[in-house]
Protein backbone atom coordinates (compact mmCIF):
# COMPACT_ATOMS: atom_id res chain seq x y z
CA MET A 1 -15.78 14.22 -47.44
CA ASN A 2 -17.03 10.62 -47.49
CA TYR A 3 -19.05 8.85 -44.81
CA GLU A 4 -16.03 7.10 -43.30
CA GLU A 5 -14.19 10.40 -42.86
CA SER A 6 -17.27 11.90 -41.21
CA CYS A 7 -17.48 9.00 -38.76
CA PHE A 8 -13.81 9.43 -37.95
CA LEU A 9 -14.16 13.14 -37.19
CA ILE A 10 -17.19 12.51 -34.96
CA GLN A 11 -15.39 9.79 -33.01
CA LYS A 12 -12.21 11.85 -32.79
CA ASN A 13 -14.10 14.82 -31.35
CA ASN A 14 -15.82 12.57 -28.80
CA GLU A 15 -12.65 10.93 -27.45
CA GLU A 16 -12.02 13.24 -24.54
CA ARG A 17 -15.64 13.11 -23.35
CA PHE A 18 -15.57 9.32 -23.11
CA LEU A 19 -12.09 9.02 -21.58
CA ALA A 20 -12.10 7.56 -18.05
CA HIS A 21 -9.29 9.48 -16.35
CA ASP A 22 -8.05 8.01 -13.04
CA CYS A 23 -10.95 5.58 -12.87
CA LEU A 24 -9.39 3.80 -9.87
CA ALA A 25 -8.93 6.97 -7.82
CA ARG A 26 -12.20 6.33 -5.92
CA GLN A 27 -11.75 2.57 -5.66
CA PRO A 28 -10.21 1.55 -2.30
CA GLN A 29 -10.72 -2.15 -3.03
CA ILE A 30 -9.80 -2.24 -6.75
CA THR A 31 -6.14 -2.06 -7.77
CA ALA A 32 -4.48 -1.65 -11.17
CA GLU A 33 -3.36 -5.28 -10.91
CA ALA A 34 -6.93 -6.45 -10.29
CA ARG A 35 -8.12 -4.43 -13.28
CA CYS A 36 -5.38 -5.95 -15.45
CA LYS A 37 -6.45 -9.46 -14.48
CA LEU A 38 -10.12 -8.75 -15.15
CA VAL A 39 -9.53 -7.10 -18.54
CA SER A 40 -7.20 -9.93 -19.58
CA TRP A 41 -9.96 -12.35 -18.63
CA LEU A 42 -12.54 -10.33 -20.61
CA ILE A 43 -10.26 -10.49 -23.65
CA ALA A 44 -10.25 -14.28 -23.34
CA VAL A 45 -14.05 -14.26 -22.92
CA TYR A 46 -14.72 -12.19 -26.05
CA LYS A 47 -12.53 -14.58 -28.04
CA HIS A 48 -14.28 -17.58 -26.50
CA PHE A 49 -17.65 -16.30 -27.70
CA SER A 50 -16.22 -15.05 -31.02
CA LEU A 51 -17.38 -11.52 -30.24
CA SER A 52 -16.03 -8.45 -31.97
CA PHE A 53 -12.98 -6.57 -30.73
CA GLU A 54 -15.21 -3.49 -30.75
CA SER A 55 -17.42 -5.05 -28.08
CA CYS A 56 -14.42 -5.89 -25.92
CA CYS A 57 -13.04 -2.34 -26.15
CA LEU A 58 -16.45 -0.83 -25.43
CA ALA A 59 -16.94 -3.14 -22.44
CA VAL A 60 -13.69 -1.93 -20.87
CA ASN A 61 -14.68 1.68 -21.53
CA ILE A 62 -18.09 1.14 -19.92
CA MET A 63 -16.48 -0.55 -16.93
CA ASP A 64 -13.88 2.21 -16.46
CA ARG A 65 -16.43 5.03 -16.75
CA PHE A 66 -18.65 3.30 -14.21
CA LEU A 67 -15.68 3.03 -11.84
CA VAL A 68 -15.30 6.82 -12.09
CA THR A 69 -18.82 7.27 -10.73
CA THR A 70 -19.27 4.40 -8.26
CA SER A 71 -17.20 2.52 -5.69
CA VAL A 72 -17.17 -1.22 -6.36
CA ALA A 73 -16.43 -4.00 -3.89
CA ALA A 74 -13.66 -6.40 -4.85
CA ASP A 75 -16.00 -9.40 -4.76
CA CYS A 76 -18.33 -7.71 -7.30
CA PHE A 77 -15.63 -6.64 -9.72
CA GLN A 78 -15.97 -9.67 -11.97
CA LEU A 79 -19.73 -9.14 -12.11
CA LEU A 80 -19.09 -5.60 -13.30
CA GLY A 81 -16.85 -6.93 -16.06
CA VAL A 82 -19.34 -9.43 -17.50
CA THR A 83 -22.20 -6.95 -17.18
CA ALA A 84 -20.23 -4.32 -19.09
CA LEU A 85 -19.49 -6.93 -21.77
CA LEU A 86 -23.18 -7.80 -22.03
CA ILE A 87 -24.12 -4.14 -22.45
CA ALA A 88 -21.40 -3.67 -25.07
CA THR A 89 -22.56 -6.63 -27.15
CA LYS A 90 -26.16 -5.41 -26.98
CA GLN A 91 -25.02 -2.00 -28.18
CA TYR A 92 -23.35 -3.45 -31.26
CA VAL A 93 -26.15 -5.88 -32.02
CA PHE A 94 -28.49 -2.87 -31.99
CA LEU A 95 -26.10 -0.95 -34.21
CA LYS A 96 -25.97 -3.79 -36.72
CA SER A 97 -29.74 -3.95 -36.80
CA PHE A 98 -29.92 -0.19 -37.34
CA ILE A 99 -27.37 -0.34 -40.16
CA SER A 100 -29.16 -3.22 -41.83
CA THR A 101 -32.38 -1.20 -41.83
CA THR A 102 -30.76 2.01 -43.00
CA ILE A 103 -28.68 0.36 -45.70
CA CYS A 104 -31.70 0.21 -47.99
CA LEU A 105 -32.07 3.98 -47.73
CA VAL A 106 -28.49 5.23 -47.62
CA VAL A 107 -25.91 3.47 -49.76
CA THR A 108 -22.96 5.10 -48.02
CA VAL A 109 -23.82 3.27 -44.81
CA LEU A 110 -22.08 0.31 -46.47
CA VAL A 111 -18.83 1.93 -45.36
CA VAL A 112 -19.84 1.66 -41.71
CA TYR A 113 -21.03 -1.91 -42.21
CA GLN A 114 -17.52 -2.79 -43.41
CA VAL A 115 -15.77 -0.91 -40.64
CA LEU A 116 -17.81 -2.47 -37.83
CA GLN A 117 -17.28 -6.18 -37.39
CA VAL A 118 -20.15 -7.01 -35.05
CA GLU A 119 -21.52 -10.24 -33.65
CA VAL A 120 -24.88 -11.68 -34.61
CA CYS A 121 -26.18 -11.87 -31.04
CA SER A 122 -25.14 -11.25 -27.45
CA PRO A 123 -24.04 -14.14 -25.24
CA ARG A 124 -26.74 -15.47 -22.94
CA ILE A 125 -26.72 -14.28 -19.34
CA LYS A 126 -26.55 -17.91 -18.24
CA GLN A 127 -23.38 -18.39 -20.27
CA LEU A 128 -21.72 -15.34 -18.78
CA LEU A 129 -22.62 -16.31 -15.22
CA SER A 130 -21.30 -19.83 -15.75
CA LEU A 131 -17.90 -18.35 -16.56
CA CYS A 132 -18.02 -16.74 -13.11
CA CYS A 133 -18.58 -20.19 -11.56
CA ASN A 134 -22.19 -19.11 -10.91
CA SER A 135 -21.02 -16.86 -8.11
CA PHE A 136 -23.66 -14.30 -9.07
CA SER A 137 -27.37 -14.48 -9.84
CA LYS A 138 -29.24 -13.29 -12.91
CA GLU A 139 -31.04 -10.75 -10.75
CA GLN A 140 -27.75 -9.29 -9.55
CA LEU A 141 -26.49 -8.93 -13.12
CA CYS A 142 -29.70 -7.31 -14.35
CA ASN A 143 -29.77 -4.88 -11.41
CA LEU A 144 -26.16 -3.89 -12.06
CA GLU A 145 -26.91 -3.48 -15.76
CA CYS A 146 -29.65 -0.95 -14.93
CA LEU A 147 -27.38 0.88 -12.50
CA ILE A 148 -24.57 1.15 -15.06
CA LEU A 149 -26.91 2.55 -17.70
CA LEU A 150 -28.27 5.12 -15.26
CA ARG A 151 -24.83 6.21 -14.02
CA LEU A 152 -23.59 6.59 -17.59
CA ASN A 153 -26.80 8.33 -18.69
CA PHE A 154 -27.14 5.73 -21.45
CA ARG A 155 -24.11 7.23 -23.23
CA LEU A 156 -22.60 4.09 -24.77
CA ALA A 157 -21.29 5.10 -28.20
CA ALA A 158 -17.72 5.61 -27.04
CA PRO A 159 -14.81 5.84 -29.50
CA THR A 160 -12.77 2.64 -29.19
CA LEU A 161 -9.35 1.25 -30.05
CA ALA A 162 -11.08 -1.10 -32.49
CA PHE A 163 -12.70 1.74 -34.44
CA PHE A 164 -9.46 3.68 -34.88
CA LEU A 165 -7.47 0.53 -35.65
CA ASP A 166 -9.82 -0.27 -38.54
CA TYR A 167 -9.83 3.32 -39.73
CA PHE A 168 -6.09 3.96 -39.71
CA ILE A 169 -5.12 0.62 -41.22
CA ASN A 170 -7.74 0.99 -43.96
CA ARG A 171 -6.36 4.45 -44.68
CA GLU A 172 -2.85 3.07 -44.97
CA LEU A 173 -3.94 0.20 -47.19
CA SER A 174 -5.74 2.67 -49.44
CA CYS A 175 -2.33 4.17 -50.20
CA TYR A 176 -0.74 0.79 -50.88
CA ARG A 177 -0.33 -0.21 -54.54
CA VAL A 178 0.24 -3.68 -55.90
CA GLY A 179 2.08 -4.35 -59.14
CA GLY A 180 3.81 -1.04 -59.72
CA SER A 181 2.87 2.58 -60.35
CA ASP A 182 -0.01 1.74 -62.68
CA ALA A 183 -1.70 -0.61 -60.22
CA THR A 184 -5.11 0.04 -58.76
CA VAL A 185 -5.30 1.61 -55.32
CA PHE A 186 -7.27 -0.62 -52.99
CA THR A 187 -8.51 -0.94 -49.44
CA VAL A 188 -8.98 -4.15 -47.52
CA HIS A 189 -10.84 -4.84 -44.29
CA GLU A 190 -10.81 -8.36 -42.88
CA GLY A 191 -10.74 -9.96 -46.32
CA LYS A 192 -13.38 -7.71 -47.90
CA ASN A 193 -12.21 -6.76 -51.37
CA CYS A 194 -12.73 -3.47 -53.11
CA GLU A 195 -14.22 -3.49 -56.58
CA GLY A 196 -11.70 -3.79 -59.37
CA TRP A 197 -8.96 -5.64 -57.49
CA GLN A 198 -8.58 -9.30 -56.53
CA PRO A 199 -5.85 -9.91 -53.90
CA THR A 200 -3.97 -13.19 -53.76
CA GLU A 201 -4.09 -15.41 -50.70
CA ASP A 202 -0.53 -14.42 -49.77
CA GLN A 203 -1.38 -10.73 -50.01
CA LEU A 204 -4.46 -11.09 -47.84
CA SER A 205 -2.52 -13.21 -45.37
CA SER A 206 0.22 -10.57 -45.12
CA MET A 207 -2.28 -7.80 -44.44
CA LYS A 208 -4.14 -9.82 -41.82
CA LYS A 209 -0.89 -10.61 -40.01
CA TYR A 210 -0.06 -6.91 -39.92
CA LYS A 211 -3.45 -5.98 -38.49
CA CYS A 212 -3.50 -8.94 -36.10
CA PHE A 213 -0.18 -7.88 -34.57
CA ALA A 214 -1.33 -4.28 -34.15
CA ARG A 215 -4.55 -5.52 -32.54
CA LYS A 216 -2.56 -7.67 -30.12
CA ILE A 217 -0.62 -4.60 -29.00
CA CYS A 218 -3.92 -2.77 -28.52
CA GLU A 219 -5.21 -5.66 -26.40
CA LEU A 220 -2.15 -5.46 -24.18
CA SER A 221 -2.64 -1.71 -23.72
CA LEU A 222 -6.32 -2.26 -22.94
CA ALA A 223 -5.39 -4.31 -19.87
CA ASP A 224 -2.65 -1.98 -18.67
CA TYR A 225 -3.99 0.82 -16.47
CA ALA A 226 -1.02 3.05 -17.37
CA PHE A 227 -2.51 3.61 -20.84
CA ASN A 228 -5.81 4.99 -19.53
CA LYS A 229 -4.35 8.48 -19.83
CA TYR A 230 -4.08 8.23 -23.61
CA GLN A 231 -6.88 8.73 -26.11
CA PRO A 232 -7.67 5.61 -28.18
CA SER A 233 -6.51 7.24 -31.42
CA VAL A 234 -3.09 7.96 -29.88
CA ILE A 235 -2.69 4.37 -28.67
CA VAL A 236 -3.69 2.99 -32.06
CA GLN A 237 -1.29 5.20 -34.01
CA SER A 238 1.47 4.24 -31.58
CA ALA A 239 0.59 0.55 -31.92
CA ILE A 240 0.74 0.82 -35.72
CA ASN A 241 4.12 2.57 -35.54
CA LEU A 242 5.46 -0.15 -33.24
CA THR A 243 4.05 -2.90 -35.47
CA LYS A 244 5.90 -1.41 -38.44
CA GLU A 245 9.12 -1.26 -36.47
CA VAL A 246 8.83 -4.85 -35.24
CA PHE A 247 7.89 -6.20 -38.67
CA ARG A 248 10.72 -4.37 -40.41
CA ARG A 249 13.26 -5.76 -37.96
CA HIS A 250 11.85 -9.28 -38.02
CA LEU A 251 11.48 -9.52 -41.80
CA LYS A 252 14.92 -8.10 -42.53
CA GLN A 253 16.50 -10.53 -40.07
CA SER A 254 14.61 -13.54 -41.43
CA SER A 255 15.74 -15.59 -44.40
CA LEU A 256 12.27 -15.56 -45.97
CA LYS A 257 12.21 -14.08 -49.45
CA CYS A 258 8.58 -14.73 -50.32
CA SER A 259 6.59 -12.10 -52.17
CA SER A 260 4.18 -11.57 -49.28
CA SER A 261 7.05 -10.58 -46.97
CA SER A 262 8.29 -8.15 -49.59
CA GLU A 263 4.81 -6.65 -49.90
CA ILE A 264 4.59 -6.12 -46.14
CA LEU A 265 7.87 -4.18 -46.27
CA ASP A 266 6.42 -2.05 -49.07
CA LEU A 267 3.37 -1.38 -46.92
CA LEU A 268 5.51 -0.45 -43.93
CA SER A 269 7.37 2.12 -45.99
CA ILE A 270 4.35 4.45 -45.91
CA ASP A 271 5.15 7.63 -44.02
CA ASN A 272 3.69 7.52 -40.50
CA HIS A 273 2.92 11.22 -40.53
CA LYS A 274 0.52 10.90 -43.45
CA LEU A 275 -2.12 9.45 -41.15
CA PRO A 276 -5.06 11.88 -41.04
CA GLY A 277 -5.98 13.35 -37.71
CA SER A 278 -2.60 12.61 -36.15
CA ASP A 279 -1.99 13.96 -32.67
CA THR A 280 1.22 15.70 -31.69
CA HIS A 281 4.30 13.69 -32.57
CA ALA A 282 5.67 13.96 -29.03
CA LEU A 283 2.59 12.35 -27.46
CA ILE A 284 2.56 9.50 -29.96
CA GLN A 285 6.28 8.97 -29.49
CA GLN A 286 5.84 8.82 -25.71
CA CYS A 287 3.06 6.29 -26.02
CA THR A 288 5.09 4.24 -28.52
CA GLU A 289 8.00 4.02 -26.08
CA GLU A 290 5.67 2.82 -23.32
CA LEU A 291 4.17 0.25 -25.69
CA LYS A 292 7.68 -1.02 -26.49
CA LEU A 293 8.21 -1.71 -22.80
CA LEU A 294 4.81 -3.38 -22.54
CA VAL A 295 5.53 -5.64 -25.51
CA SER A 296 8.95 -6.54 -24.15
CA LEU A 297 7.27 -7.69 -20.94
CA ASN A 298 4.83 -9.84 -22.92
CA GLN A 299 7.16 -11.51 -25.40
CA GLU A 300 5.57 -14.91 -24.98
CA SER A 301 2.16 -13.68 -26.10
CA ILE A 302 3.48 -12.24 -29.38
CA GLN A 303 6.00 -14.89 -30.39
CA ASP A 304 3.37 -16.97 -32.17
CA LEU A 305 2.35 -13.96 -34.22
CA LEU A 306 5.93 -13.23 -35.27
CA ALA A 307 6.55 -16.87 -36.09
CA VAL A 308 4.09 -16.78 -38.97
CA VAL A 309 5.28 -13.47 -40.47
């Protein structure tokens, strides 16, 4: 078993412990609609600062788990969101530093370095507060940061949608062959090439479009409170299944005959049930159907992605 598989099993076993079931049950002032608006705003913020998707997912998990433990006033909800994002970015900056130190000692840590796309530094507190129209002070944010860490017992290494999205897509790409039966098996993560194979620009572009669409579906589920009941791995597998379905339909209906489109269809032909660690088919199917409805309600946000397929 390689290092990546070990990381997957650890994260998979930790999913239930870090799941925030019914996080709004004790929140008389916070509604599912308010949470949706805040998470959608946090998604825009992480993109504004060019942060990693991992940090965004972790921030939402930190926020939800804090809501399980503590009642939050409506006028402090945005402060909770930016504080959770600050904690999440610090967590991944620390992780990158740890990996960079360990990489000299353990070569296999390179796998984790590829899987985790982390930012160089956290956004400044002043920058985060300015996005809140300076409605909160630095002291308030720092006090809330300490409270969150205490309530969560400093347990921050939660399994995220981003982790499983990277893992499952990399696993699928590792089964994808270019150039026929004698071609070299390869894996690709955000343009990083495996030794012995040099992808073309069209091939890389096709793979990035596939992952980008699946990530967009994950972002939509992140903001929708109805998906809090599902483990991240279930949502990701469902998002990948739905991405395949949408891409098949769109590419077959389009008049494009370019090689990259053909290669995407080859990739989508991989059997869904070959994904390691799959949950029960019924649960994934249920989640997939709910994601279909969610995507249909957010057609405008995905049209641009389909336009470039």
